[in-house]
Protein backbone atom coordinates (compact mmCIF):
# COMPACT_ATOMS: atom_id res chain seq x y z
CA MET A 1 -34.84 -3.37 18.90
CA THR A 2 -37.36 -3.24 16.66
CA VAL A 3 -37.71 -3.37 12.92
CA THR A 4 -38.83 0.03 13.03
CA ASN A 5 -35.90 1.35 14.83
CA ASN A 6 -33.32 -0.42 12.98
CA ILE A 7 -34.41 1.39 9.70
CA HIS A 8 -34.38 4.87 11.56
CA TYR A 9 -30.66 3.45 12.65
CA LEU A 10 -29.59 2.71 9.24
CA SER A 11 -30.79 5.48 7.66
CA ASN A 12 -28.15 7.53 10.19
CA ILE A 13 -25.62 5.64 9.19
CA GLU A 14 -22.68 8.33 8.14
CA ASP A 15 -20.59 5.86 6.27
CA LYS A 16 -22.50 5.22 3.45
CA GLU A 17 -19.53 3.27 1.84
CA LEU A 18 -19.25 0.94 4.73
CA PHE A 19 -22.82 0.70 3.82
CA ASN A 20 -22.42 -0.63 0.25
CA LEU A 21 -19.58 -2.74 1.16
CA VAL A 22 -21.69 -5.03 3.30
CA MET A 23 -24.87 -4.51 2.21
CA GLY A 24 -24.85 -3.09 -1.53
CA ASN A 25 -24.32 -6.12 -2.80
CA LYS A 26 -23.93 -10.61 -3.28
CA GLY A 27 -20.92 -10.85 -1.39
CA GLY A 28 -21.95 -8.81 1.48
CA ARG A 29 -21.92 -11.35 3.85
CA THR A 30 -18.90 -12.75 2.98
CA ARG A 31 -16.62 -9.76 3.61
CA MET A 32 -19.03 -9.17 6.99
CA ARG A 33 -17.31 -12.85 8.09
CA ILE A 34 -13.52 -12.06 7.32
CA LEU A 35 -14.45 -8.84 9.27
CA ASP A 36 -15.57 -10.04 12.13
CA ALA A 37 -12.56 -12.54 11.96
CA LEU A 38 -9.72 -10.04 11.69
CA LEU A 39 -11.33 -7.98 14.34
CA ILE A 40 -11.29 -10.75 16.33
CA MET A 41 -7.60 -11.83 15.27
CA PRO A 42 -5.52 -10.61 12.29
CA SER A 43 -4.80 -13.26 9.96
CA ASN A 44 -3.07 -14.30 6.28
CA ALA A 45 -5.81 -15.68 3.63
CA ASN A 46 -5.19 -19.23 4.16
CA GLN A 47 -5.58 -18.78 7.90
CA LEU A 48 -8.93 -16.92 6.90
CA ALA A 49 -10.23 -19.93 4.53
CA LYS A 50 -9.78 -22.53 6.99
CA LYS A 51 -11.36 -20.31 9.96
CA LEU A 52 -14.18 -19.52 7.61
CA LYS A 53 -14.74 -22.54 5.55
CA LEU A 54 -13.92 -20.89 2.13
CA ASP A 55 -11.71 -21.73 -0.34
CA TYR A 56 -9.04 -19.31 -0.89
CA LYS A 57 -9.49 -17.68 -3.62
CA THR A 58 -13.03 -16.56 -1.89
CA VAL A 59 -11.12 -14.60 0.66
CA THR A 60 -8.05 -13.38 -1.54
CA TYR A 61 -11.18 -11.42 -3.53
CA HIS A 62 -13.06 -9.84 -1.32
CA MET A 63 -9.84 -8.64 0.51
CA ASN A 64 -8.85 -7.19 -2.21
CA ILE A 65 -12.26 -5.48 -2.09
CA ILE A 66 -12.23 -4.80 2.09
CA CYS A 67 -8.22 -3.86 1.80
CA LYS A 68 -9.35 -0.99 -2.09
CA HIS A 69 -12.51 0.30 0.47
CA LYS A 70 -9.66 1.01 3.49
CA TYR A 71 -11.50 -1.00 5.55
CA ALA A 72 -8.15 -3.39 6.25
CA THR A 73 -4.66 -3.08 5.50
CA ARG A 74 -2.46 -5.73 4.57
CA GLU A 75 1.77 -6.24 5.73
CA LYS A 76 3.60 -8.25 3.43
CA PHE A 77 6.15 -10.40 5.38
CA GLU A 78 8.29 -12.74 3.07
CA LYS A 79 6.03 -15.40 1.92
CA TYR A 80 2.61 -14.48 3.12
CA THR A 81 0.58 -11.11 3.11
CA ARG A 82 -1.57 -10.44 6.62
CA TYR A 83 -4.22 -8.33 7.57
CA TYR A 84 -5.37 -6.51 10.11
CA PRO A 85 -8.23 -4.42 10.66
CA SER A 86 -8.03 -0.24 9.68
CA ASP A 87 -8.10 2.44 11.25
CA LYS A 88 -10.87 3.25 9.37
CA LEU A 89 -12.75 0.72 10.51
CA ILE A 90 -12.20 0.60 14.15
CA LYS A 91 -13.59 4.47 13.68
CA ASN A 92 -16.72 3.30 12.50
CA LEU A 93 -17.06 -0.08 14.29
CA LYS A 94 -20.39 1.34 15.94
CA GLU A 95 -22.28 1.84 12.74
CA TYR A 96 -20.53 -1.38 11.32
CA LYS A 97 -22.41 -2.88 14.14
CA ILE A 98 -25.50 -1.62 13.90
CA ILE A 99 -25.15 -2.83 10.12
CA LYS A 100 -24.22 -5.89 11.22
CA GLN A 101 -27.36 -6.79 13.48
CA HIS A 102 -30.02 -5.57 10.68
CA ILE A 103 -28.14 -7.74 8.43
CA GLN A 104 -28.65 -11.01 11.49
CA ASN A 105 -32.30 -9.89 12.05
CA GLU A 106 -32.83 -10.43 7.89
CA ILE A 107 -31.92 -14.14 8.97
């Protein structure tokens, strides 16, 4: 996909909230990595931190943002919280993949 086509696709993204969550600020790439991991397997913050080689506090900070925007849901079990991709993320998966592709092309 050429840069021109990629920009055209980005301009057609309807979920601006998702766009801003992933591309709109400094922590977007970290949130993208977390969302990718959740799409593969629901996890708790400790599992995500180990898998992504991130600090536990960094993961919980970004998970709070992701959950606030309703792109992930959390379920509390006795001593821990497990995170899942939300229906909102699944519904916008096509747009998420376009945004992700654009970010990867920038690297």
